Amino acid sequence: MRGCAVDFTEFRAAAELAGMLLTDPRSLILLLLLLAAAICDLRSHRIPNLLTFGGTAVALLYSLAVPQHHGGGLLWALGGLGLGLALMLPLYLLRAMGAGDVKLMAMAGAFLGPDGTWQAVIFVFIAGGITAMAYALWHRVTAKLLRNTLQATELLFVTIAAGIRPDARASTAQSVGKLPYGVSIALGTAAFLVARQFTWV
């Protein structure tokens, strides 16, 4: 009986997730924008400004028009946008990701609000780590990837402690290849939306 109850709970959560996508245009629009960004990043290693800026505008306008009971409103969306930007900016300064990736996470933040954004970023980092490790294993550059990650982390902490702007040019690490981080942002954010729905049940 316990197993049946677990199955029913999972089925209910999945049904409510599908219902959320149908009844909450904000989440559905975000997922569609993330899918488009991931496809663009895979094909051209670029995320168009039209997509990120346009998506941000949609999120802000939606928050003005239809605030949510658990948050919402323009300040809520701007808070998520700013947090998404702030959390990714250091990695851009270290050249660990492109400007399009930072703008994409900021756009997602405008849809998620501050609380959702920092949680989604955790999922994004996990997805990025898994993707990078899979890439490294496939191309047999795991040791180089680990060295680069350690050096980038040390550089970030040293520059922050010194109160200066992080600069990737100070690093002597050799690149292991360009990863489409927009895909990790899309996967991580989508995983967060799914996990959040199951948590709320």
Protein backbone atom coordinates (compact mmCIF):
# COMPACT_ATOMS: atom_id res chain seq x y z
CA MET A 1 0.00 0.00 0.00
CA ARG A 2 2.85 2.35 0.76
CA GLY A 3 4.28 1.85 -2.73
CA CYS A 4 0.89 2.64 -4.25
CA ALA A 5 0.71 5.83 -2.20
CA VAL A 6 4.13 6.92 -3.43
CA ASP A 7 3.16 6.21 -7.02
CA PHE A 8 -0.07 8.17 -6.60
CA THR A 9 1.82 11.12 -5.11
CA GLU A 10 4.28 11.15 -8.00
CA PHE A 11 1.45 10.89 -10.52
CA ARG A 12 -0.35 13.74 -8.80
CA ALA A 13 2.80 15.89 -8.84
CA ALA A 14 3.32 15.18 -12.54
CA ALA A 15 -0.31 16.02 -13.27
CA GLU A 16 -0.02 19.26 -11.31
CA LEU A 17 3.19 20.10 -13.18
CA ALA A 18 1.37 19.69 -16.48
CA GLY A 19 -1.47 21.76 -15.10
CA MET A 20 0.94 24.47 -13.99
CA LEU A 21 2.38 24.77 -17.50
CA LEU A 22 -1.12 25.10 -18.91
CA THR A 23 -2.45 27.55 -16.34
CA ASP A 24 0.72 29.58 -15.69
CA PRO A 25 1.88 31.14 -18.96
CA ARG A 26 4.96 32.53 -17.19
CA SER A 27 6.54 29.09 -16.68
CA LEU A 28 5.53 27.85 -20.13
CA ILE A 29 6.96 30.93 -21.86
CA LEU A 30 10.20 30.58 -19.87
CA LEU A 31 10.62 26.93 -20.88
CA LEU A 32 10.01 27.77 -24.55
CA LEU A 33 12.54 30.60 -24.43
CA LEU A 34 15.11 28.35 -22.74
CA LEU A 35 14.56 25.67 -25.38
CA ALA A 36 15.12 28.22 -28.15
CA ALA A 37 18.26 29.50 -26.42
CA ALA A 38 19.66 25.99 -26.00
CA ILE A 39 19.09 25.23 -29.69
CA CYS A 40 20.77 28.48 -30.74
CA ASP A 41 23.73 27.84 -28.45
CA LEU A 42 24.17 24.31 -29.75
CA ARG A 43 24.04 25.41 -33.38
CA SER A 44 26.00 28.67 -33.35
CA HIS A 45 27.51 29.03 -29.84
CA ARG A 46 25.55 32.27 -29.56
CA ILE A 47 22.35 33.30 -27.79
CA PRO A 48 20.67 36.16 -29.66
CA ASN A 49 20.02 39.43 -27.82
CA LEU A 50 16.57 39.45 -29.36
CA LEU A 51 15.77 36.31 -27.39
CA THR A 52 17.22 37.40 -24.04
CA PHE A 53 16.13 41.04 -24.14
CA GLY A 54 12.77 40.16 -25.65
CA GLY A 55 12.21 37.45 -23.05
CA THR A 56 13.14 39.84 -20.25
CA ALA A 57 10.67 42.41 -21.56
CA VAL A 58 7.93 39.76 -21.65
CA ALA A 59 8.70 38.73 -18.05
CA LEU A 60 8.60 42.32 -16.79
CA LEU A 61 5.39 43.14 -18.64
CA TYR A 62 3.78 39.92 -17.41
CA SER A 63 4.74 40.73 -13.82
CA LEU A 64 3.12 44.14 -14.19
CA ALA A 65 -0.06 42.73 -15.68
CA VAL A 66 -0.54 39.51 -13.70
CA PRO A 67 1.24 39.53 -10.31
CA GLN A 68 1.28 36.15 -8.54
CA HIS A 69 -0.08 35.48 -5.07
CA HIS A 70 3.28 34.04 -3.86
CA GLY A 71 5.26 36.98 -5.18
CA GLY A 72 5.05 38.79 -8.45
CA GLY A 73 5.06 42.41 -9.40
CA LEU A 74 7.69 44.47 -11.13
CA LEU A 75 10.10 44.67 -8.17
CA TRP A 76 9.89 40.87 -7.76
CA ALA A 77 10.85 40.35 -11.41
CA LEU A 78 13.60 42.99 -11.28
CA GLY A 79 14.99 41.34 -8.15
CA GLY A 80 15.23 38.00 -9.93
CA LEU A 81 16.78 39.63 -12.98
CA GLY A 82 19.42 41.40 -10.89
CA LEU A 83 20.23 38.29 -8.88
CA GLY A 84 20.60 36.13 -12.00
CA LEU A 85 22.94 38.73 -13.45
CA ALA A 86 24.99 39.09 -10.26
CA LEU A 87 25.44 35.36 -9.74
CA MET A 88 26.73 34.77 -13.28
CA LEU A 89 28.77 37.93 -13.79
CA PRO A 90 31.91 36.68 -11.98
CA LEU A 91 32.04 33.65 -14.29
CA TYR A 92 31.77 35.95 -17.30
CA LEU A 93 34.63 38.09 -15.99
CA LEU A 94 36.69 34.90 -15.67
CA ARG A 95 35.64 33.97 -19.22
CA ALA A 96 34.06 30.76 -17.97
CA MET A 97 30.92 31.68 -19.88
CA GLY A 98 29.79 34.16 -22.50
CA ALA A 99 27.78 37.34 -22.16
CA GLY A 100 24.80 35.61 -23.75
CA ASP A 101 24.78 33.03 -20.96
CA VAL A 102 24.74 35.77 -18.31
CA LYS A 103 21.88 37.56 -20.06
CA LEU A 104 19.99 34.28 -20.38
CA MET A 105 20.19 33.62 -16.63
CA ALA A 106 19.15 37.20 -15.93
CA MET A 107 16.16 36.70 -18.23
CA ALA A 108 15.23 33.49 -16.41
CA GLY A 109 15.54 35.36 -13.13
CA ALA A 110 12.95 37.88 -14.28
CA PHE A 111 10.52 34.99 -14.69
CA LEU A 112 11.46 33.28 -11.40
CA GLY A 113 11.90 36.13 -8.93
CA PRO A 114 14.70 36.30 -6.34
CA ASP A 115 13.88 33.13 -4.38
CA GLY A 116 13.42 31.02 -7.48
CA THR A 117 16.52 32.44 -9.15
CA TRP A 118 19.11 31.50 -6.55
CA GLN A 119 17.65 28.01 -6.28
CA ALA A 120 17.58 27.64 -10.07
CA VAL A 121 21.23 28.74 -10.27
CA ILE A 122 22.19 25.84 -8.00
CA PHE A 123 20.50 23.46 -10.44
CA VAL A 124 22.22 25.24 -13.34
CA PHE A 125 25.67 24.82 -11.76
CA ILE A 126 24.98 21.13 -11.14
CA ALA A 127 23.84 20.68 -14.75
CA GLY A 128 26.88 22.60 -15.97
CA GLY A 129 29.23 20.45 -13.90
CA ILE A 130 27.69 17.23 -15.17
CA THR A 131 27.81 18.47 -18.76
CA ALA A 132 31.42 19.61 -18.46
CA MET A 133 32.50 16.32 -16.90
CA ALA A 134 30.72 14.32 -19.60
CA TYR A 135 32.44 16.45 -22.26
CA ALA A 136 35.82 16.01 -20.58
CA LEU A 137 35.41 12.26 -20.29
CA TRP A 138 34.32 11.98 -23.92
CA HIS A 139 37.29 14.03 -25.16
CA ARG A 140 39.71 12.63 -22.56
CA VAL A 141 40.64 16.00 -21.07
CA THR A 142 39.38 15.42 -17.53
CA ALA A 143 42.68 16.25 -15.82
CA LYS A 144 43.01 19.51 -17.75
CA LEU A 145 39.41 20.45 -16.92
CA LEU A 146 39.99 19.86 -13.21
CA ARG A 147 43.20 21.94 -13.27
CA ASN A 148 41.41 24.76 -15.07
CA THR A 149 38.52 24.68 -12.60
CA LEU A 150 40.88 24.79 -9.62
CA GLN A 151 42.90 27.65 -11.11
CA ALA A 152 39.76 29.65 -11.98
CA THR A 153 38.40 29.17 -8.46
CA GLU A 154 41.66 30.29 -6.87
CA LEU A 155 41.82 33.31 -9.17
CA LEU A 156 38.24 34.29 -8.30
CA PHE A 157 38.84 34.10 -4.53
CA VAL A 158 42.16 35.94 -4.72
CA THR A 159 40.78 38.81 -6.79
CA ILE A 160 37.68 39.14 -4.62
CA ALA A 161 39.81 39.13 -1.45
CA ALA A 162 42.05 41.78 -2.99
CA GLY A 163 39.05 43.86 -3.97
CA ILE A 164 39.90 43.95 -7.68
CA ARG A 165 38.00 42.91 -10.76
CA PRO A 166 38.48 39.26 -11.81
CA ASP A 167 40.50 39.01 -15.01
CA ALA A 168 40.79 35.74 -16.88
CA ARG A 169 43.91 37.01 -18.66
CA ALA A 170 45.81 36.36 -15.43
CA SER A 171 45.13 32.66 -15.87
CA THR A 172 47.57 30.41 -17.72
CA ALA A 173 45.04 27.60 -18.15
CA GLN A 174 44.61 26.11 -21.61
CA SER A 175 41.07 25.81 -22.84
CA VAL A 176 39.56 22.34 -23.15
CA GLY A 177 36.99 23.56 -25.66
CA LYS A 178 33.90 25.74 -25.75
CA LEU A 179 30.85 24.34 -23.99
CA PRO A 180 27.35 25.64 -24.83
CA TYR A 181 26.48 26.79 -21.31
CA GLY A 182 23.08 27.95 -22.50
CA VAL A 183 22.14 24.27 -22.63
CA SER A 184 23.09 23.86 -18.97
CA ILE A 185 21.05 26.94 -18.04
CA ALA A 186 18.06 25.52 -19.88
CA LEU A 187 18.41 22.05 -18.36
CA GLY A 188 19.10 23.31 -14.84
CA THR A 189 16.24 25.80 -14.82
CA ALA A 190 13.81 23.23 -16.24
CA ALA A 191 14.95 20.73 -13.58
CA PHE A 192 14.34 23.35 -10.89
CA LEU A 193 10.79 23.98 -12.12
CA VAL A 194 10.07 20.25 -12.02
CA ALA A 195 11.69 19.78 -8.59
CA ARG A 196 9.83 22.77 -7.18
CA GLN A 197 6.53 21.35 -8.30
CA PHE A 198 7.25 18.00 -6.63
CA THR A 199 8.40 19.77 -3.46
CA TRP A 200 5.20 21.77 -3.20
CA VAL A 201 3.05 18.62 -3.33
